[in-house]
Protein backbone atom coordinates (compact mmCIF):
# COMPACT_ATOMS: atom_id res chain seq x y z
CA UNK A 1 172.32 207.16 136.70
CA UNK A 2 175.80 206.60 135.35
CA UNK A 3 177.94 204.05 137.17
CA UNK A 4 180.67 206.64 137.89
CA UNK A 5 178.15 208.75 139.82
CA UNK A 6 177.36 205.84 142.23
CA UNK A 7 180.75 204.03 142.51
CA UNK A 8 182.22 205.93 145.32
CA UNK A 9 179.41 206.82 147.81
CA UNK A 10 181.01 207.74 151.08
CA UNK A 11 184.67 206.63 151.51
CA UNK A 12 186.38 206.32 148.20
CA UNK A 13 188.12 203.04 147.65
CA UNK A 14 190.55 204.80 145.29
CA UNK A 15 191.45 207.33 147.97
CA UNK A 16 191.68 204.77 150.80
CA UNK A 17 192.26 201.45 149.04
CA UNK A 18 191.96 198.03 150.69
CA UNK A 19 194.84 195.68 151.13
CA UNK A 20 193.11 192.64 149.63
CA UNK A 21 190.30 191.74 147.29
CA UNK A 22 188.13 188.60 147.76
CA UNK A 23 186.23 187.43 144.81
CA UNK A 24 183.05 185.52 144.27
CA UNK A 25 183.66 183.07 141.55
CA UNK A 26 180.56 181.59 139.92
CA UNK A 27 179.05 184.25 137.65
CA UNK A 28 181.65 186.95 138.83
CA UNK A 29 184.92 185.42 137.52
CA UNK A 30 183.62 182.67 135.35
CA UNK A 31 180.66 182.51 132.84
CA UNK A 32 179.15 179.26 134.22
CA UNK A 33 176.04 179.44 131.99
CA UNK A 34 177.99 179.40 128.62
CA UNK A 35 180.22 176.44 129.65
CA UNK A 36 177.60 174.31 131.39
CA UNK A 37 175.01 174.83 128.60
CA UNK A 38 177.47 173.95 125.77
CA UNK A 39 178.71 170.88 127.58
CA UNK A 40 175.18 169.52 128.16
CA UNK A 41 174.37 170.00 124.50
CA UNK A 42 177.54 168.31 123.40
CA UNK A 43 177.06 165.38 125.80
CA UNK A 44 173.44 164.82 124.70
CA UNK A 45 174.50 164.99 121.05
CA UNK A 46 177.24 162.34 121.61
CA UNK A 47 174.47 160.02 122.99
CA UNK A 48 172.38 160.41 119.87
CA UNK A 49 175.15 159.68 117.45
CA UNK A 50 176.32 156.30 116.23
CA UNK A 51 179.20 156.21 118.77
CA UNK A 52 179.52 153.52 121.45
CA UNK A 53 178.21 156.10 123.97
CA UNK A 54 174.80 155.79 122.30
CA UNK A 55 174.50 152.02 122.85
CA UNK A 56 171.91 150.78 125.32
CA UNK A 57 169.60 153.82 125.26
CA UNK A 58 165.99 152.92 125.53
CA UNK A 59 163.54 154.06 122.86
CA UNK A 60 161.90 156.20 125.50
CA UNK A 61 165.12 158.03 126.28
CA UNK A 62 165.92 158.50 122.59
CA UNK A 63 162.46 159.96 122.06
CA UNK A 64 162.87 162.29 125.02
CA UNK A 65 166.25 163.48 123.72
CA UNK A 66 164.72 164.25 120.30
CA UNK A 67 162.28 166.59 122.05
CA UNK A 68 164.99 168.70 123.71
CA UNK A 69 166.43 171.79 122.01
CA UNK A 70 169.44 173.92 122.82
CA UNK A 71 166.97 176.23 124.75
CA UNK A 72 165.94 173.20 126.81
CA UNK A 73 169.49 172.52 127.80
CA UNK A 74 169.91 176.17 128.78
CA UNK A 75 166.85 175.79 131.02
CA UNK A 76 168.40 172.56 132.45
CA UNK A 77 171.60 174.44 133.25
CA UNK A 78 169.67 177.17 135.00
CA UNK A 79 167.85 174.77 137.13
CA UNK A 80 171.11 173.09 138.04
CA UNK A 81 172.44 176.52 139.06
CA UNK A 82 169.20 177.25 140.94
CA UNK A 83 169.51 173.96 142.91
CA UNK A 84 173.01 175.17 144.05
CA UNK A 85 171.55 178.45 145.29
CA UNK A 86 168.82 176.61 147.20
CA UNK A 87 171.37 174.21 148.75
CA UNK A 88 173.76 176.91 149.99
CA UNK A 89 170.93 179.20 151.05
CA UNK A 90 169.38 176.47 153.14
CA UNK A 91 172.49 175.04 154.72
CA UNK A 92 172.77 175.45 158.46
CA UNK A 93 176.28 174.80 159.71
CA UNK A 94 175.17 174.55 163.33
CA UNK A 95 173.00 171.40 162.56
CA UNK A 96 173.63 170.15 159.03
CA UNK A 97 176.22 167.58 158.13
CA UNK A 98 178.85 169.06 155.74
CA UNK A 99 178.36 168.42 152.05
CA UNK A 100 180.71 170.02 149.50
CA UNK A 101 179.64 171.55 146.26
CA UNK A 102 180.99 168.63 144.08
CA UNK A 103 178.73 166.23 145.94
CA UNK A 104 175.81 168.64 145.60
CA UNK A 105 176.38 169.07 141.93
CA UNK A 106 176.38 165.24 141.41
CA UNK A 107 173.32 164.53 143.45
CA UNK A 108 171.50 167.49 141.89
CA UNK A 109 172.33 166.23 138.42
CA UNK A 110 170.88 162.85 139.27
CA UNK A 111 167.65 164.47 140.48
CA UNK A 112 167.45 166.81 137.39
CA UNK A 113 167.86 163.85 134.97
CA UNK A 114 164.97 162.03 136.75
CA UNK A 115 162.86 165.21 136.67
CA UNK A 116 163.51 165.67 132.98
CA UNK A 117 162.75 161.98 132.27
CA UNK A 118 166.35 161.20 131.34
CA UNK A 119 167.25 158.72 133.97
CA UNK A 120 168.77 156.16 131.50
CA UNK A 121 170.83 158.77 129.61
CA UNK A 122 174.08 158.42 131.52
CA UNK A 123 175.77 155.69 133.61
CA UNK A 124 177.26 156.41 137.02
CA UNK A 125 180.76 157.14 135.62
CA UNK A 126 179.38 159.55 133.06
CA UNK A 127 177.24 161.37 135.55
CA UNK A 128 180.34 161.76 137.78
CA UNK A 129 182.28 163.13 134.86
CA UNK A 130 179.51 165.47 133.69
CA UNK A 131 179.06 166.77 137.18
CA UNK A 132 182.59 167.99 137.17
CA UNK A 133 181.91 170.42 134.31
CA UNK A 134 181.81 173.06 137.06
CA UNK A 135 185.69 172.52 137.39
CA UNK A 136 186.26 173.70 133.81
CA UNK A 137 184.18 176.89 133.47
CA UNK A 138 185.57 179.46 131.10
CA UNK A 139 186.30 182.89 132.57
CA UNK A 140 184.71 186.21 131.36
CA UNK A 141 187.02 187.89 128.78
CA UNK A 142 188.24 190.41 131.28
CA UNK A 143 188.90 188.15 134.27
CA UNK A 144 192.52 186.83 133.80
CA UNK A 145 193.92 190.14 132.53
CA UNK A 146 192.07 192.27 135.21
CA UNK A 147 193.17 189.85 137.99
CA UNK A 148 196.80 190.12 136.89
CA UNK A 149 196.64 193.89 136.96
CA UNK A 150 194.95 194.00 140.34
CA UNK A 151 197.41 191.46 141.72
CA UNK A 152 200.15 194.04 141.29
CA UNK A 153 198.72 196.09 144.21
CA UNK A 154 196.41 193.83 146.11
CA UNK A 155 196.32 190.34 147.59
CA UNK A 156 193.77 188.50 145.33
CA UNK A 157 191.78 185.77 146.90
CA UNK A 158 188.82 183.68 146.00
CA UNK A 159 185.90 183.65 148.42
CA UNK A 160 183.55 181.14 146.96
CA UNK A 161 181.17 178.42 147.95
CA UNK A 162 183.00 176.10 145.57
CA UNK A 163 185.23 173.52 147.25
CA UNK A 164 189.03 173.82 147.22
CA UNK A 165 189.68 171.28 144.39
CA UNK A 166 187.06 172.95 142.21
CA UNK A 167 188.48 176.35 142.74
CA UNK A 168 192.05 175.28 142.12
CA UNK A 169 190.92 173.69 138.81
CA UNK A 170 189.12 176.88 137.81
CA UNK A 171 192.17 178.93 138.68
CA UNK A 172 194.34 176.78 136.46
CA UNK A 173 191.86 176.28 133.63
CA UNK A 174 191.28 179.95 133.28
CA UNK A 175 194.80 181.08 133.92
CA UNK A 176 193.34 183.38 136.59
CA UNK A 177 196.40 183.83 138.83
CA UNK A 178 194.66 184.12 142.16
CA UNK A 179 197.28 184.50 144.91
CA UNK A 180 195.12 182.88 147.58
CA UNK A 181 192.39 180.17 147.18
CA UNK A 182 189.78 180.43 149.92
CA UNK A 183 186.59 178.42 149.92
CA UNK A 184 183.59 178.16 152.16
CA UNK A 185 184.81 174.61 152.60
CA UNK A 186 187.58 176.00 154.78
CA UNK A 187 185.02 177.25 157.28
CA UNK A 188 182.40 174.54 156.91
CA UNK A 189 179.77 177.06 156.16
CA UNK A 190 178.34 178.69 152.99
CA UNK A 191 177.98 182.30 152.08
CA UNK A 192 176.23 184.35 153.39
CA UNK A 193 177.12 182.94 156.78
CA UNK A 194 179.29 185.35 158.62
CA UNK A 195 182.05 182.85 159.32
CA UNK A 196 182.94 182.75 155.60
CA UNK A 197 183.59 186.54 155.25
CA UNK A 198 185.19 186.91 158.77
CA UNK A 199 187.13 183.69 158.34
CA UNK A 200 188.62 184.80 154.97
CA UNK A 201 189.77 188.12 156.52
CA UNK A 202 191.29 186.34 159.50
CA UNK A 203 193.18 183.93 157.23
CA UNK A 204 194.47 186.93 155.23
CA UNK A 205 195.68 188.51 158.51
CA UNK A 206 193.56 191.59 157.87
CA UNK A 207 190.67 193.41 159.52
CA UNK A 208 187.39 193.24 157.44
CA UNK A 209 187.70 196.96 156.62
CA UNK A 210 191.03 196.24 154.95
CA UNK A 211 189.31 193.80 152.53
CA UNK A 212 186.92 194.52 149.65
CA UNK A 213 184.54 191.75 148.33
CA UNK A 214 184.10 191.67 144.61
CA UNK A 215 180.99 190.15 143.25
CA UNK A 216 178.31 190.21 140.55
CA UNK A 217 175.58 189.66 143.16
CA UNK A 218 174.33 192.39 145.43
CA UNK A 219 173.17 189.88 148.07
CA UNK A 220 176.67 188.63 148.45
CA UNK A 221 177.99 192.05 148.76
CA UNK A 222 175.36 193.08 151.28
CA UNK A 223 176.32 190.17 153.49
CA UNK A 224 180.01 191.03 153.15
CA UNK A 225 179.26 194.69 154.03
CA UNK A 226 177.24 193.48 157.02
CA UNK A 227 180.39 191.88 158.29
CA UNK A 228 182.49 194.96 157.79
CA UNK A 229 184.00 194.31 154.29
CA UNK A 230 184.03 196.91 151.61
CA UNK A 231 182.22 196.19 148.33
CA UNK A 232 183.00 196.24 144.55
CA UNK A 233 180.03 195.34 142.28
CA UNK A 234 180.84 194.06 138.79
CA UNK A 235 177.68 193.64 136.71
CA UNK A 236 177.60 190.45 134.69
CA UNK A 237 174.93 189.39 132.18
CA UNK A 238 172.00 187.55 133.79
CA UNK A 239 173.67 187.38 137.17
CA UNK A 240 171.79 189.87 139.40
CA UNK A 241 168.87 188.58 141.46
CA UNK A 242 167.77 191.98 142.57
CA UNK A 243 165.18 193.60 140.29
CA UNK A 244 166.70 196.87 138.88
CA UNK A 245 163.29 198.51 139.52
CA UNK A 246 163.27 197.39 143.19
CA UNK A 247 164.00 199.55 146.17
CA UNK A 248 166.73 197.18 147.30
CA UNK A 249 168.59 197.66 143.99
CA UNK A 250 168.19 201.46 144.30
CA UNK A 251 169.44 201.31 147.95
CA UNK A 252 172.52 199.27 146.88
CA UNK A 253 173.66 202.27 144.86
CA UNK A 254 173.99 204.28 148.03
CA UNK A 255 176.26 201.79 149.70
CA UNK A 256 178.24 199.87 147.12
CA UNK A 257 181.74 201.42 147.25
CA UNK A 258 182.61 200.77 143.55
CA UNK A 259 180.07 199.94 140.92
CA UNK A 260 181.20 198.67 137.50
CA UNK A 261 178.42 198.60 134.87
CA UNK A 262 177.93 195.76 132.32
CA UNK A 263 179.15 197.88 129.46
CA UNK A 264 182.46 198.47 131.08
CA UNK A 265 185.34 196.02 131.06
CA UNK A 266 184.73 194.22 134.35
CA UNK A 267 187.98 193.57 136.28
CA UNK A 268 189.96 195.69 133.87
CA UNK A 269 187.82 198.69 134.60
CA UNK A 270 188.31 197.86 138.46
CA UNK A 271 192.05 198.05 137.84
CA UNK A 272 191.70 201.32 135.93
CA UNK A 273 189.69 202.85 138.83
CA UNK A 274 192.73 202.04 141.04
CA UNK A 275 195.16 203.47 138.57
CA UNK A 276 196.60 200.11 137.51
């Protein structure tokens, strides 16, 4: 089925547009996989060179590094991302002490280095620095230009599990031009908790039906829809958790308000659909 045949199921967004767009960020706006993997590879390479950064490495760590390929570091990056998903998915705001994503990324990196038998690879300062790679993720090619066009008609806001400082750095690094920076940190809960979606709408001064959630993850959109937001799905490479052959994926095509396929131009295509 072509994307255009499923993009406007019941109430067309183009005929009855929202007033604001809230955007998931990791994977939807920025290509985390490319930046994180390349940074891990470069950091490991610096440790095996003759630079001062290589001093003090044990023979065991050097041997372990020699065994790792670029594919290995891509797998490491995926495990780091998966640890984030498990963390936010298991967080219970009613009982759990608050931990922001920067803290999680640092602690998760320490755990992964241990798991991968690389405990001696980085000192504490280097771990802190490497864990902040998530502040400097490059955007998808259409993100900045598409956001600029969409911002001519809509309020554009992040709605991400990333903390405020992380999102502000991503906005600046990618020249994204978001008009509002909203984070789950503002509500001390992580998506898909209802307080994140409803809190974002309240802070924008809008009813949920006046806001559309933009994401590359159908589970995020499903949660937003369950709280009254409208939905724009932008397919991104390797980002969708739902199996395309599954019933839940097929069902999503009946309720997603606008569906942008991977072979279209992402946010630029969203803007085109709105006549921008």
